[in-house]
Full PDB file with SEQRES, HELIX, SHEET, SSBOND, CRYST1, ORIGX, SCALE, CONECT and MASTER records, all heavy atoms in Angstrom:
SEQRES   1 A   45  LYS ALA ALA VAL CYS GLY ALA ILE GLY VAL LEU LEU ASN          
SEQRES   2 A   45  LYS CYS LYS LEU LYS VAL THR ASP VAL ARG GLN VAL TYR          
SEQRES   3 A   45  LEU ALA GLY ALA PHE GLY ALA TYR THR ASN LEU ALA SER          
SEQRES   4 A   45  ALA THR LYS LEU GLY ILE                                      
HELIX    1 AA1 ALA A    2  LYS A   14  1                                  13    
HELIX    2 AA2 VAL A   19  ASP A   21  5                                   3    
HELIX    3 AA3 GLY A   29  TYR A   34  1                                   6    
HELIX    4 AA4 LEU A   37  LEU A   43  1                                   7    
CRYST1    1.000    1.000    1.000  90.00  90.00  90.00 P 1           1          
ORIGX1      1.000000  0.000000  0.000000        0.00000                         
ORIGX2      0.000000  1.000000  0.000000        0.00000                         
ORIGX3      0.000000  0.000000  1.000000        0.00000                         
SCALE1      1.000000  0.000000  0.000000        0.00000                         
SCALE2      0.000000  1.000000  0.000000        0.00000                         
SCALE3      0.000000  0.000000  1.000000        0.00000                         
ATOM      1  N   LYS A   1     -12.027   5.978 -21.875  1.00  0.00           N  
ATOM      2  CA  LYS A   1     -11.094   5.909 -20.751  1.00  0.00           C  
ATOM      3  C   LYS A   1     -11.833   6.135 -19.437  1.00  0.00           C  
ATOM      4  O   LYS A   1     -11.510   5.517 -18.409  1.00  0.00           O  
ATOM      5  CB  LYS A   1      -9.952   6.914 -20.937  1.00  0.00           C  
ATOM      6  CG  LYS A   1     -10.163   8.319 -20.409  1.00  0.00           C  
ATOM      7  CD  LYS A   1      -9.586   8.467 -19.006  1.00  0.00           C  
ATOM      8  CE  LYS A   1      -9.776   9.894 -18.502  1.00  0.00           C  
ATOM      9  NZ  LYS A   1      -9.368  10.033 -17.083  1.00  0.00           N  
ATOM     10  N   ALA A   2     -12.852   6.970 -19.449  1.00  0.00           N  
ATOM     11  CA  ALA A   2     -13.645   7.202 -18.237  1.00  0.00           C  
ATOM     12  C   ALA A   2     -14.429   5.962 -17.851  1.00  0.00           C  
ATOM     13  O   ALA A   2     -14.591   5.651 -16.667  1.00  0.00           O  
ATOM     14  CB  ALA A   2     -14.584   8.390 -18.440  1.00  0.00           C  
ATOM     15  N   ALA A   3     -14.914   5.227 -18.863  1.00  0.00           N  
ATOM     16  CA  ALA A   3     -15.652   3.998 -18.584  1.00  0.00           C  
ATOM     17  C   ALA A   3     -14.733   2.955 -17.941  1.00  0.00           C  
ATOM     18  O   ALA A   3     -15.117   2.285 -16.980  1.00  0.00           O  
ATOM     19  CB  ALA A   3     -16.253   3.451 -19.872  1.00  0.00           C  
ATOM     20  N   VAL A   4     -13.506   2.826 -18.456  1.00  0.00           N  
ATOM     21  CA  VAL A   4     -12.565   1.838 -17.920  1.00  0.00           C  
ATOM     22  C   VAL A   4     -12.119   2.226 -16.514  1.00  0.00           C  
ATOM     23  O   VAL A   4     -12.177   1.421 -15.574  1.00  0.00           O  
ATOM     24  CB  VAL A   4     -11.344   1.696 -18.847  1.00  0.00           C  
ATOM     25  CG1 VAL A   4     -10.280   0.800 -18.208  1.00  0.00           C  
ATOM     26  CG2 VAL A   4     -11.763   1.146 -20.196  1.00  0.00           C  
ATOM     27  N   CYS A   5     -11.669   3.459 -16.358  1.00  0.00           N  
ATOM     28  CA  CYS A   5     -11.196   3.912 -15.048  1.00  0.00           C  
ATOM     29  C   CYS A   5     -12.340   3.903 -14.029  1.00  0.00           C  
ATOM     30  O   CYS A   5     -12.149   3.516 -12.869  1.00  0.00           O  
ATOM     31  CB  CYS A   5     -10.600   5.309 -15.173  1.00  0.00           C  
ATOM     32  SG  CYS A   5      -9.756   5.888 -13.697  1.00  0.00           S  
ATOM     33  N   GLY A   6     -13.535   4.316 -14.466  1.00  0.00           N  
ATOM     34  CA  GLY A   6     -14.693   4.291 -13.578  1.00  0.00           C  
ATOM     35  C   GLY A   6     -15.061   2.882 -13.161  1.00  0.00           C  
ATOM     36  O   GLY A   6     -15.445   2.639 -12.012  1.00  0.00           O  
ATOM     37  N   ALA A   7     -14.925   1.924 -14.075  1.00  0.00           N  
ATOM     38  CA  ALA A   7     -15.226   0.524 -13.754  1.00  0.00           C  
ATOM     39  C   ALA A   7     -14.273  -0.003 -12.689  1.00  0.00           C  
ATOM     40  O   ALA A   7     -14.685  -0.700 -11.750  1.00  0.00           O  
ATOM     41  CB  ALA A   7     -15.138  -0.328 -15.021  1.00  0.00           C  
ATOM     42  N   ILE A   8     -12.984   0.327 -12.826  1.00  0.00           N  
ATOM     43  CA  ILE A   8     -12.007  -0.104 -11.820  1.00  0.00           C  
ATOM     44  C   ILE A   8     -12.304   0.560 -10.485  1.00  0.00           C  
ATOM     45  O   ILE A   8     -12.212  -0.068  -9.416  1.00  0.00           O  
ATOM     46  CB  ILE A   8     -10.577   0.210 -12.294  1.00  0.00           C  
ATOM     47  CG1 ILE A   8     -10.254  -0.596 -13.557  1.00  0.00           C  
ATOM     48  CG2 ILE A   8      -9.556  -0.103 -11.193  1.00  0.00           C  
ATOM     49  CD1 ILE A   8      -8.924  -0.250 -14.199  1.00  0.00           C  
ATOM     50  N   GLY A   9     -12.694   1.843 -10.527  1.00  0.00           N  
ATOM     51  CA  GLY A   9     -13.057   2.540  -9.300  1.00  0.00           C  
ATOM     52  C   GLY A   9     -14.234   1.895  -8.592  1.00  0.00           C  
ATOM     53  O   GLY A   9     -14.245   1.773  -7.357  1.00  0.00           O  
ATOM     54  N   VAL A  10     -15.238   1.451  -9.356  1.00  0.00           N  
ATOM     55  CA  VAL A  10     -16.395   0.769  -8.767  1.00  0.00           C  
ATOM     56  C   VAL A  10     -15.965  -0.523  -8.088  1.00  0.00           C  
ATOM     57  O   VAL A  10     -16.396  -0.827  -6.966  1.00  0.00           O  
ATOM     58  CB  VAL A  10     -17.460   0.491  -9.847  1.00  0.00           C  
ATOM     59  CG1 VAL A  10     -18.521  -0.479  -9.326  1.00  0.00           C  
ATOM     60  CG2 VAL A  10     -18.128   1.791 -10.295  1.00  0.00           C  
ATOM     61  N   LEU A  11     -15.112  -1.303  -8.738  1.00  0.00           N  
ATOM     62  CA  LEU A  11     -14.647  -2.563  -8.148  1.00  0.00           C  
ATOM     63  C   LEU A  11     -13.928  -2.309  -6.825  1.00  0.00           C  
ATOM     64  O   LEU A  11     -14.165  -3.008  -5.826  1.00  0.00           O  
ATOM     65  CB  LEU A  11     -13.707  -3.275  -9.110  1.00  0.00           C  
ATOM     66  CG  LEU A  11     -14.320  -4.170 -10.180  1.00  0.00           C  
ATOM     67  CD1 LEU A  11     -13.223  -4.835 -10.999  1.00  0.00           C  
ATOM     68  CD2 LEU A  11     -15.233  -5.222  -9.579  1.00  0.00           C  
ATOM     69  N   LEU A  12     -13.028  -1.323  -6.817  1.00  0.00           N  
ATOM     70  CA  LEU A  12     -12.300  -1.020  -5.585  1.00  0.00           C  
ATOM     71  C   LEU A  12     -13.253  -0.585  -4.480  1.00  0.00           C  
ATOM     72  O   LEU A  12     -13.126  -1.013  -3.320  1.00  0.00           O  
ATOM     73  CB  LEU A  12     -11.253   0.068  -5.853  1.00  0.00           C  
ATOM     74  CG  LEU A  12     -10.076  -0.340  -6.747  1.00  0.00           C  
ATOM     75  CD1 LEU A  12      -9.245   0.880  -7.127  1.00  0.00           C  
ATOM     76  CD2 LEU A  12      -9.188  -1.366  -6.057  1.00  0.00           C  
ATOM     77  N   ASN A  13     -14.222   0.253  -4.817  1.00  0.00           N  
ATOM     78  CA  ASN A  13     -15.181   0.732  -3.810  1.00  0.00           C  
ATOM     79  C   ASN A  13     -16.038  -0.402  -3.264  1.00  0.00           C  
ATOM     80  O   ASN A  13     -16.282  -0.486  -2.053  1.00  0.00           O  
ATOM     81  CB  ASN A  13     -16.077   1.820  -4.415  1.00  0.00           C  
ATOM     82  CG  ASN A  13     -15.318   3.103  -4.714  1.00  0.00           C  
ATOM     83  OD1 ASN A  13     -14.228   3.322  -4.186  1.00  0.00           O  
ATOM     84  ND2 ASN A  13     -15.886   3.939  -5.570  1.00  0.00           N  
ATOM     85  N   LYS A  14     -16.510  -1.271  -4.160  1.00  0.00           N  
ATOM     86  CA  LYS A  14     -17.364  -2.385  -3.720  1.00  0.00           C  
ATOM     87  C   LYS A  14     -16.627  -3.290  -2.740  1.00  0.00           C  
ATOM     88  O   LYS A  14     -17.233  -3.848  -1.825  1.00  0.00           O  
ATOM     89  CB  LYS A  14     -17.815  -3.216  -4.925  1.00  0.00           C  
ATOM     90  CG  LYS A  14     -18.669  -2.485  -5.952  1.00  0.00           C  
ATOM     91  CD  LYS A  14     -20.078  -2.244  -5.477  1.00  0.00           C  
ATOM     92  CE  LYS A  14     -20.916  -1.633  -6.612  1.00  0.00           C  
ATOM     93  NZ  LYS A  14     -22.237  -1.178  -6.125  1.00  0.00           N  
ATOM     94  N   CYS A  15     -15.316  -3.427  -2.970  1.00  0.00           N  
ATOM     95  CA  CYS A  15     -14.523  -4.342  -2.137  1.00  0.00           C  
ATOM     96  C   CYS A  15     -13.822  -3.623  -0.988  1.00  0.00           C  
ATOM     97  O   CYS A  15     -13.006  -4.243  -0.281  1.00  0.00           O  
ATOM     98  CB  CYS A  15     -13.498  -5.066  -3.007  1.00  0.00           C  
ATOM     99  SG  CYS A  15     -14.232  -6.052  -4.326  1.00  0.00           S  
ATOM    100  N   LYS A  16     -14.118  -2.306  -0.805  1.00  0.00           N  
ATOM    101  CA  LYS A  16     -13.533  -1.515   0.290  1.00  0.00           C  
ATOM    102  C   LYS A  16     -12.006  -1.528   0.222  1.00  0.00           C  
ATOM    103  O   LYS A  16     -11.313  -1.675   1.235  1.00  0.00           O  
ATOM    104  CB  LYS A  16     -13.987  -2.057   1.649  1.00  0.00           C  
ATOM    105  CG  LYS A  16     -15.489  -2.238   1.801  1.00  0.00           C  
ATOM    106  CD  LYS A  16     -16.239  -0.924   1.719  1.00  0.00           C  
ATOM    107  CE  LYS A  16     -17.733  -1.129   1.951  1.00  0.00           C  
ATOM    108  NZ  LYS A  16     -18.512   0.120   1.755  1.00  0.00           N  
ATOM    109  N   LEU A  17     -11.460  -1.351  -0.974  1.00  0.00           N  
ATOM    110  CA  LEU A  17     -10.018  -1.390  -1.170  1.00  0.00           C  
ATOM    111  C   LEU A  17      -9.514  -0.074  -1.751  1.00  0.00           C  
ATOM    112  O   LEU A  17     -10.259   0.682  -2.377  1.00  0.00           O  
ATOM    113  CB  LEU A  17      -9.642  -2.528  -2.126  1.00  0.00           C  
ATOM    114  CG  LEU A  17      -9.929  -3.953  -1.655  1.00  0.00           C  
ATOM    115  CD1 LEU A  17      -9.656  -4.938  -2.782  1.00  0.00           C  
ATOM    116  CD2 LEU A  17      -9.108  -4.309  -0.422  1.00  0.00           C  
ATOM    117  N   LYS A  18      -8.206   0.181  -1.541  1.00  0.00           N  
ATOM    118  CA  LYS A  18      -7.526   1.326  -2.129  1.00  0.00           C  
ATOM    119  C   LYS A  18      -6.534   0.818  -3.179  1.00  0.00           C  
ATOM    120  O   LYS A  18      -6.207  -0.369  -3.228  1.00  0.00           O  
ATOM    121  CB  LYS A  18      -6.779   2.108  -1.048  1.00  0.00           C  
ATOM    122  CG  LYS A  18      -7.674   2.669   0.049  1.00  0.00           C  
ATOM    123  CD  LYS A  18      -6.840   3.385   1.106  1.00  0.00           C  
ATOM    124  CE  LYS A  18      -7.727   3.924   2.226  1.00  0.00           C  
ATOM    125  NZ  LYS A  18      -6.928   4.592   3.292  1.00  0.00           N  
ATOM    126  N   VAL A  19      -6.038   1.746  -3.990  1.00  0.00           N  
ATOM    127  CA  VAL A  19      -5.082   1.337  -5.021  1.00  0.00           C  
ATOM    128  C   VAL A  19      -3.824   0.744  -4.395  1.00  0.00           C  
ATOM    129  O   VAL A  19      -3.149  -0.103  -5.003  1.00  0.00           O  
ATOM    130  CB  VAL A  19      -4.710   2.527  -5.943  1.00  0.00           C  
ATOM    131  CG1 VAL A  19      -5.879   2.919  -6.816  1.00  0.00           C  
ATOM    132  CG2 VAL A  19      -4.202   3.713  -5.139  1.00  0.00           C  
ATOM    133  N   THR A  20      -3.489   1.155  -3.172  1.00  0.00           N  
ATOM    134  CA  THR A  20      -2.295   0.621  -2.509  1.00  0.00           C  
ATOM    135  C   THR A  20      -2.485  -0.809  -2.010  1.00  0.00           C  
ATOM    136  O   THR A  20      -1.511  -1.467  -1.625  1.00  0.00           O  
ATOM    137  CB  THR A  20      -1.901   1.528  -1.324  1.00  0.00           C  
ATOM    138  OG1 THR A  20      -3.054   1.752  -0.499  1.00  0.00           O  
ATOM    139  CG2 THR A  20      -1.373   2.864  -1.818  1.00  0.00           C  
ATOM    140  N   ASP A  21      -3.728  -1.308  -1.994  1.00  0.00           N  
ATOM    141  CA  ASP A  21      -3.983  -2.679  -1.555  1.00  0.00           C  
ATOM    142  C   ASP A  21      -3.725  -3.698  -2.660  1.00  0.00           C  
ATOM    143  O   ASP A  21      -3.568  -4.891  -2.387  1.00  0.00           O  
ATOM    144  CB  ASP A  21      -5.433  -2.827  -1.072  1.00  0.00           C  
ATOM    145  CG  ASP A  21      -5.716  -2.012   0.176  1.00  0.00           C  
ATOM    146  OD1 ASP A  21      -4.849  -1.994   1.071  1.00  0.00           O  
ATOM    147  OD2 ASP A  21      -6.797  -1.390   0.252  1.00  0.00           O  
ATOM    148  N   VAL A  22      -3.715  -3.248  -3.899  1.00  0.00           N  
ATOM    149  CA  VAL A  22      -3.525  -4.153  -5.041  1.00  0.00           C  
ATOM    150  C   VAL A  22      -2.032  -4.417  -5.219  1.00  0.00           C  
ATOM    151  O   VAL A  22      -1.233  -3.489  -5.353  1.00  0.00           O  
ATOM    152  CB  VAL A  22      -4.124  -3.552  -6.326  1.00  0.00           C  
ATOM    153  CG1 VAL A  22      -3.864  -4.471  -7.523  1.00  0.00           C  
ATOM    154  CG2 VAL A  22      -5.626  -3.320  -6.155  1.00  0.00           C  
ATOM    155  N   ARG A  23      -1.646  -5.696  -5.222  1.00  0.00           N  
ATOM    156  CA  ARG A  23      -0.229  -6.056  -5.284  1.00  0.00           C  
ATOM    157  C   ARG A  23       0.191  -6.614  -6.635  1.00  0.00           C  
ATOM    158  O   ARG A  23       1.383  -6.655  -6.942  1.00  0.00           O  
ATOM    159  CB  ARG A  23       0.090  -7.074  -4.184  1.00  0.00           C  
ATOM    160  CG  ARG A  23      -0.274  -6.622  -2.777  1.00  0.00           C  
ATOM    161  CD  ARG A  23       0.244  -5.218  -2.457  1.00  0.00           C  
ATOM    162  NE  ARG A  23       1.685  -5.124  -2.532  1.00  0.00           N  
ATOM    163  CZ  ARG A  23       2.500  -5.339  -1.497  1.00  0.00           C  
ATOM    164  NH1 ARG A  23       2.004  -5.650  -0.319  1.00  0.00           N  
ATOM    165  NH2 ARG A  23       3.801  -5.225  -1.641  1.00  0.00           N  
ATOM    166  N   GLN A  24      -0.756  -7.097  -7.425  1.00  0.00           N  
ATOM    167  CA  GLN A  24      -0.431  -7.646  -8.739  1.00  0.00           C  
ATOM    168  C   GLN A  24      -1.434  -7.098  -9.762  1.00  0.00           C  
ATOM    169  O   GLN A  24      -2.636  -7.145  -9.529  1.00  0.00           O  
ATOM    170  CB  GLN A  24      -0.488  -9.177  -8.747  1.00  0.00           C  
ATOM    171  CG  GLN A  24       0.335  -9.864  -7.663  1.00  0.00           C  
ATOM    172  CD  GLN A  24       1.825  -9.680  -7.830  1.00  0.00           C  
ATOM    173  OE1 GLN A  24       2.311  -9.462  -8.946  1.00  0.00           O  
ATOM    174  NE2 GLN A  24       2.561  -9.773  -6.730  1.00  0.00           N  
ATOM    175  N   VAL A  25      -0.914  -6.570 -10.869  1.00  0.00           N  
ATOM    176  CA  VAL A  25      -1.754  -6.101 -11.971  1.00  0.00           C  
ATOM    177  C   VAL A  25      -1.374  -6.889 -13.218  1.00  0.00           C  
ATOM    178  O   VAL A  25      -0.207  -6.895 -13.627  1.00  0.00           O  
ATOM    179  CB  VAL A  25      -1.587  -4.588 -12.226  1.00  0.00           C  
ATOM    180  CG1 VAL A  25      -2.378  -4.164 -13.459  1.00  0.00           C  
ATOM    181  CG2 VAL A  25      -2.023  -3.781 -11.011  1.00  0.00           C  
ATOM    182  N   TYR A  26      -2.350  -7.579 -13.798  1.00  0.00           N  
ATOM    183  CA  TYR A  26      -2.133  -8.387 -14.993  1.00  0.00           C  
ATOM    184  C   TYR A  26      -2.839  -7.723 -16.168  1.00  0.00           C  
ATOM    185  O   TYR A  26      -4.066  -7.526 -16.136  1.00  0.00           O  
ATOM    186  CB  TYR A  26      -2.659  -9.802 -14.787  1.00  0.00           C  
ATOM    187  CG  TYR A  26      -1.982 -10.543 -13.657  1.00  0.00           C  
ATOM    188  CD1 TYR A  26      -2.565 -10.598 -12.385  1.00  0.00           C  
ATOM    189  CD2 TYR A  26      -0.767 -11.183 -13.852  1.00  0.00           C  
ATOM    190  CE1 TYR A  26      -1.942 -11.274 -11.344  1.00  0.00           C  
ATOM    191  CE2 TYR A  26      -0.134 -11.860 -12.817  1.00  0.00           C  
ATOM    192  CZ  TYR A  26      -0.732 -11.901 -11.563  1.00  0.00           C  
ATOM    193  OH  TYR A  26      -0.108 -12.568 -10.535  1.00  0.00           O  
ATOM    194  N   LEU A  27      -2.067  -7.360 -17.183  1.00  0.00           N  
ATOM    195  CA  LEU A  27      -2.620  -6.719 -18.381  1.00  0.00           C  
ATOM    196  C   LEU A  27      -2.647  -7.736 -19.510  1.00  0.00           C  
ATOM    197  O   LEU A  27      -1.601  -8.216 -19.954  1.00  0.00           O  
ATOM    198  CB  LEU A  27      -1.782  -5.502 -18.772  1.00  0.00           C  
ATOM    199  CG  LEU A  27      -1.663  -4.404 -17.707  1.00  0.00           C  
ATOM    200  CD1 LEU A  27      -0.763  -3.279 -18.206  1.00  0.00           C  
ATOM    201  CD2 LEU A  27      -3.042  -3.860 -17.337  1.00  0.00           C  
ATOM    202  N   ALA A  28      -3.843  -8.063 -19.959  1.00  0.00           N  
ATOM    203  CA  ALA A  28      -4.010  -9.108 -20.968  1.00  0.00           C  
ATOM    204  C   ALA A  28      -4.218  -8.496 -22.350  1.00  0.00           C  
ATOM    205  O   ALA A  28      -4.628  -7.340 -22.490  1.00  0.00           O  
ATOM    206  CB  ALA A  28      -5.193  -9.998 -20.608  1.00  0.00           C  
ATOM    207  N   GLY A  29      -3.954  -9.290 -23.359  1.00  0.00           N  
ATOM    208  CA  GLY A  29      -4.261  -8.913 -24.726  1.00  0.00           C  
ATOM    209  C   GLY A  29      -3.292  -7.901 -25.313  1.00  0.00           C  
ATOM    210  O   GLY A  29      -2.238  -7.580 -24.753  1.00  0.00           O  
ATOM    211  N   ALA A  30      -3.685  -7.368 -26.472  1.00  0.00           N  
ATOM    212  CA  ALA A  30      -2.833  -6.428 -27.189  1.00  0.00           C  
ATOM    213  C   ALA A  30      -2.628  -5.140 -26.407  1.00  0.00           C  
ATOM    214  O   ALA A  30      -1.573  -4.508 -26.486  1.00  0.00           O  
ATOM    215  CB  ALA A  30      -3.445  -6.122 -28.561  1.00  0.00           C  
ATOM    216  N   PHE A  31      -3.634  -4.728 -25.630  1.00  0.00           N  
ATOM    217  CA  PHE A  31      -3.500  -3.513 -24.830  1.00  0.00           C  
ATOM    218  C   PHE A  31      -2.312  -3.653 -23.884  1.00  0.00           C  
ATOM    219  O   PHE A  31      -1.479  -2.754 -23.769  1.00  0.00           O  
ATOM    220  CB  PHE A  31      -4.783  -3.251 -24.042  1.00  0.00           C  
ATOM    221  CG  PHE A  31      -4.708  -2.027 -23.157  1.00  0.00           C  
ATOM    222  CD1 PHE A  31      -5.022  -0.776 -23.658  1.00  0.00           C  
ATOM    223  CD2 PHE A  31      -4.325  -2.134 -21.830  1.00  0.00           C  
ATOM    224  CE1 PHE A  31      -4.936   0.348 -22.855  1.00  0.00           C  
ATOM    225  CE2 PHE A  31      -4.243  -1.018 -21.008  1.00  0.00           C  
ATOM    226  CZ  PHE A  31      -4.551   0.238 -21.529  1.00  0.00           C  
ATOM    227  N   GLY A  32      -2.208  -4.779 -23.198  1.00  0.00           N  
ATOM    228  CA  GLY A  32      -1.112  -4.991 -22.267  1.00  0.00           C  
ATOM    229  C   GLY A  32       0.225  -5.186 -22.952  1.00  0.00           C  
ATOM    230  O   GLY A  32       1.269  -4.832 -22.404  1.00  0.00           O  
ATOM    231  N   ALA A  33       0.198  -5.731 -24.161  1.00  0.00           N  
ATOM    232  CA  ALA A  33       1.438  -6.052 -24.851  1.00  0.00           C  
ATOM    233  C   ALA A  33       2.055  -4.852 -25.562  1.00  0.00           C  
ATOM    234  O   ALA A  33       3.281  -4.718 -25.616  1.00  0.00           O  
ATOM    235  CB  ALA A  33       1.193  -7.168 -25.869  1.00  0.00           C  
ATOM    236  N   TYR A  34       1.230  -3.965 -26.107  1.00  0.00           N  
ATOM    237  CA  TYR A  34       1.740  -2.919 -26.978  1.00  0.00           C  
ATOM    238  C   TYR A  34       1.590  -1.501 -26.439  1.00  0.00           C  
ATOM    239  O   TYR A  34       2.268  -0.589 -26.891  1.00  0.00           O  
ATOM    240  CB  TYR A  34       1.043  -3.003 -28.353  1.00  0.00           C  
ATOM    241  CG  TYR A  34       1.182  -4.339 -29.030  1.00  0.00           C  
ATOM    242  CD1 TYR A  34       0.070  -5.076 -29.415  1.00  0.00           C  
ATOM    243  CD2 TYR A  34       2.440  -4.885 -29.281  1.00  0.00           C  
ATOM    244  CE1 TYR A  34       0.206  -6.307 -30.042  1.00  0.00           C  
ATOM    245  CE2 TYR A  34       2.580  -6.117 -29.893  1.00  0.00           C  
ATOM    246  CZ  TYR A  34       1.460  -6.822 -30.278  1.00  0.00           C  
ATOM    247  OH  TYR A  34       1.593  -8.046 -30.886  1.00  0.00           O  
ATOM    248  N   THR A  35       0.681  -1.293 -25.497  1.00  0.00           N  
ATOM    249  CA  THR A  35       0.432   0.064 -25.014  1.00  0.00           C  
ATOM    250  C   THR A  35       1.521   0.504 -24.047  1.00  0.00           C  
ATOM    251  O   THR A  35       1.942  -0.255 -23.174  1.00  0.00           O  
ATOM    252  CB  THR A  35      -0.941   0.146 -24.320  1.00  0.00           C  
ATOM    253  OG1 THR A  35      -1.950  -0.223 -25.255  1.00  0.00           O  
ATOM    254  CG2 THR A  35      -1.221   1.551 -23.824  1.00  0.00           C  
ATOM    255  N   ASN A  36       1.961   1.762 -24.192  1.00  0.00           N  
ATOM    256  CA  ASN A  36       2.897   2.365 -23.246  1.00  0.00           C  
ATOM    257  C   ASN A  36       2.139   2.644 -21.950  1.00  0.00           C  
ATOM    258  O   ASN A  36       1.241   3.486 -21.909  1.00  0.00           O  
ATOM    259  CB  ASN A  36       3.457   3.663 -23.838  1.00  0.00           C  
ATOM    260  CG  ASN A  36       4.506   4.303 -22.961  1.00  0.00           C  
ATOM    261  OD1 ASN A  36       4.414   4.283 -21.732  1.00  0.00           O  
ATOM    262  ND2 ASN A  36       5.504   4.895 -23.588  1.00  0.00           N  
ATOM    263  N   LEU A  37       2.488   1.917 -20.880  1.00  0.00           N  
ATOM    264  CA  LEU A  37       1.750   2.022 -19.628  1.00  0.00           C  
ATOM    265  C   LEU A  37       1.841   3.423 -19.033  1.00  0.00           C  
ATOM    266  O   LEU A  37       0.891   3.910 -18.411  1.00  0.00           O  
ATOM    267  CB  LEU A  37       2.255   0.989 -18.628  1.00  0.00           C  
ATOM    268  CG  LEU A  37       1.436   0.827 -17.347  1.00  0.00           C  
ATOM    269  CD1 LEU A  37      -0.010   0.458 -17.668  1.00  0.00           C  
ATOM    270  CD2 LEU A  37       2.053  -0.241 -16.446  1.00  0.00           C  
ATOM    271  N   ALA A  38       2.991   4.090 -19.226  1.00  0.00           N  
ATOM    272  CA  ALA A  38       3.129   5.455 -18.726  1.00  0.00           C  
ATOM    273  C   ALA A  38       2.112   6.382 -19.390  1.00  0.00           C  
ATOM    274  O   ALA A  38       1.510   7.245 -18.731  1.00  0.00           O  
ATOM    275  CB  ALA A  38       4.556   5.945 -18.966  1.00  0.00           C  
ATOM    276  N   SER A  39       1.902   6.219 -20.693  1.00  0.00           N  
ATOM    277  CA  SER A  39       0.909   7.041 -21.400  1.00  0.00           C  
ATOM    278  C   SER A  39      -0.500   6.723 -20.918  1.00  0.00           C  
ATOM    279  O   SER A  39      -1.330   7.621 -20.749  1.00  0.00           O  
ATOM    280  CB  SER A  39       1.006   6.808 -22.912  1.00  0.00           C  
ATOM    281  OG  SER A  39       2.246   7.223 -23.430  1.00  0.00           O  
ATOM    282  N   ALA A  40      -0.781   5.420 -20.693  1.00  0.00           N  
ATOM    283  CA  ALA A  40      -2.116   5.008 -20.265  1.00  0.00           C  
ATOM    284  C   ALA A  40      -2.466   5.573 -18.893  1.00  0.00           C  
ATOM    285  O   ALA A  40      -3.601   5.983 -18.651  1.00  0.00           O  
ATOM    286  CB  ALA A  40      -2.213   3.485 -20.260  1.00  0.00           C  
ATOM    287  N   THR A  41      -1.486   5.590 -17.987  1.00  0.00           N  
ATOM    288  CA  THR A  41      -1.762   6.131 -16.649  1.00  0.00           C  
ATOM    289  C   THR A  41      -1.772   7.651 -16.660  1.00  0.00           C  
ATOM    290  O   THR A  41      -2.535   8.280 -15.924  1.00  0.00           O  
ATOM    291  CB  THR A  41      -0.726   5.620 -15.634  1.00  0.00           C  
ATOM    292  OG1 THR A  41       0.593   5.844 -16.140  1.00  0.00           O  
ATOM    293  CG2 THR A  41      -0.907   4.135 -15.385  1.00  0.00           C  
ATOM    294  N   LYS A  42      -0.938   8.264 -17.485  1.00  0.00           N  
ATOM    295  CA  LYS A  42      -0.937   9.732 -17.598  1.00  0.00           C  
ATOM    296  C   LYS A  42      -2.291  10.232 -18.092  1.00  0.00           C  
ATOM    297  O   LYS A  42      -2.820  11.234 -17.611  1.00  0.00           O  
ATOM    298  CB  LYS A  42       0.168  10.196 -18.540  1.00  0.00           C  
ATOM    299  CG  LYS A  42       0.283  11.722 -18.645  1.00  0.00           C  
ATOM    300  CD  LYS A  42       1.417  12.117 -19.563  1.00  0.00           C  
ATOM    301  CE  LYS A  42       1.597  13.625 -19.584  1.00  0.00           C  
ATOM    302  NZ  LYS A  42       1.959  14.186 -18.276  1.00  0.00           N  
ATOM    303  N   LEU A  43      -2.846   9.498 -19.048  1.00  0.00           N  
ATOM    304  CA  LEU A  43      -4.153   9.865 -19.585  1.00  0.00           C  
ATOM    305  C   LEU A  43      -5.276   9.509 -18.616  1.00  0.00           C  
ATOM    306  O   LEU A  43      -6.348  10.121 -18.652  1.00  0.00           O  
ATOM    307  CB  LEU A  43      -4.360   9.159 -20.929  1.00  0.00           C  
ATOM    308  CG  LEU A  43      -5.555   9.562 -21.780  1.00  0.00           C  
ATOM    309  CD1 LEU A  43      -5.549  11.053 -22.066  1.00  0.00           C  
ATOM    310  CD2 LEU A  43      -5.545   8.774 -23.083  1.00  0.00           C  
ATOM    311  N   GLY A  44      -5.047   8.525 -17.741  1.00  0.00           N  
ATOM    312  CA  GLY A  44      -6.056   8.143 -16.756  1.00  0.00           C  
ATOM    313  C   GLY A  44      -6.900   6.955 -17.162  1.00  0.00           C  
ATOM    314  O   GLY A  44      -8.011   6.787 -16.660  1.00  0.00           O  
ATOM    315  N   ILE A  45      -6.370   6.118 -18.058  1.00  0.00           N  
ATOM    316  CA  ILE A  45      -7.107   4.906 -18.427  1.00  0.00           C  
ATOM    317  C   ILE A  45      -7.016   3.896 -17.287  1.00  0.00           C  
ATOM    318  O   ILE A  45      -8.017   3.320 -16.863  1.00  0.00           O  
ATOM    319  CB  ILE A  45      -6.534   4.301 -19.725  1.00  0.00           C  
ATOM    320  CG1 ILE A  45      -6.667   5.291 -20.880  1.00  0.00           C  
ATOM    321  CG2 ILE A  45      -7.260   2.995 -20.064  1.00  0.00           C  
ATOM    322  CD1 ILE A  45      -5.946   4.861 -22.142  1.00  0.00           C  
TER     323      ILE A  45                                                      
MASTER        0    0    0    4    0    0    0    6  322    1    0    4          
END                                                                             
């Protein structure tokens, strides 16, 4: 989870963006289809 969250953090930093700048989030694959998003964000993925 640290690798995934850290990777997203690197992308945002490289592009000089904040989480509030992102307007669309697309979750692909089984992770997006079956995972409880509230649990994923609570854990920090």
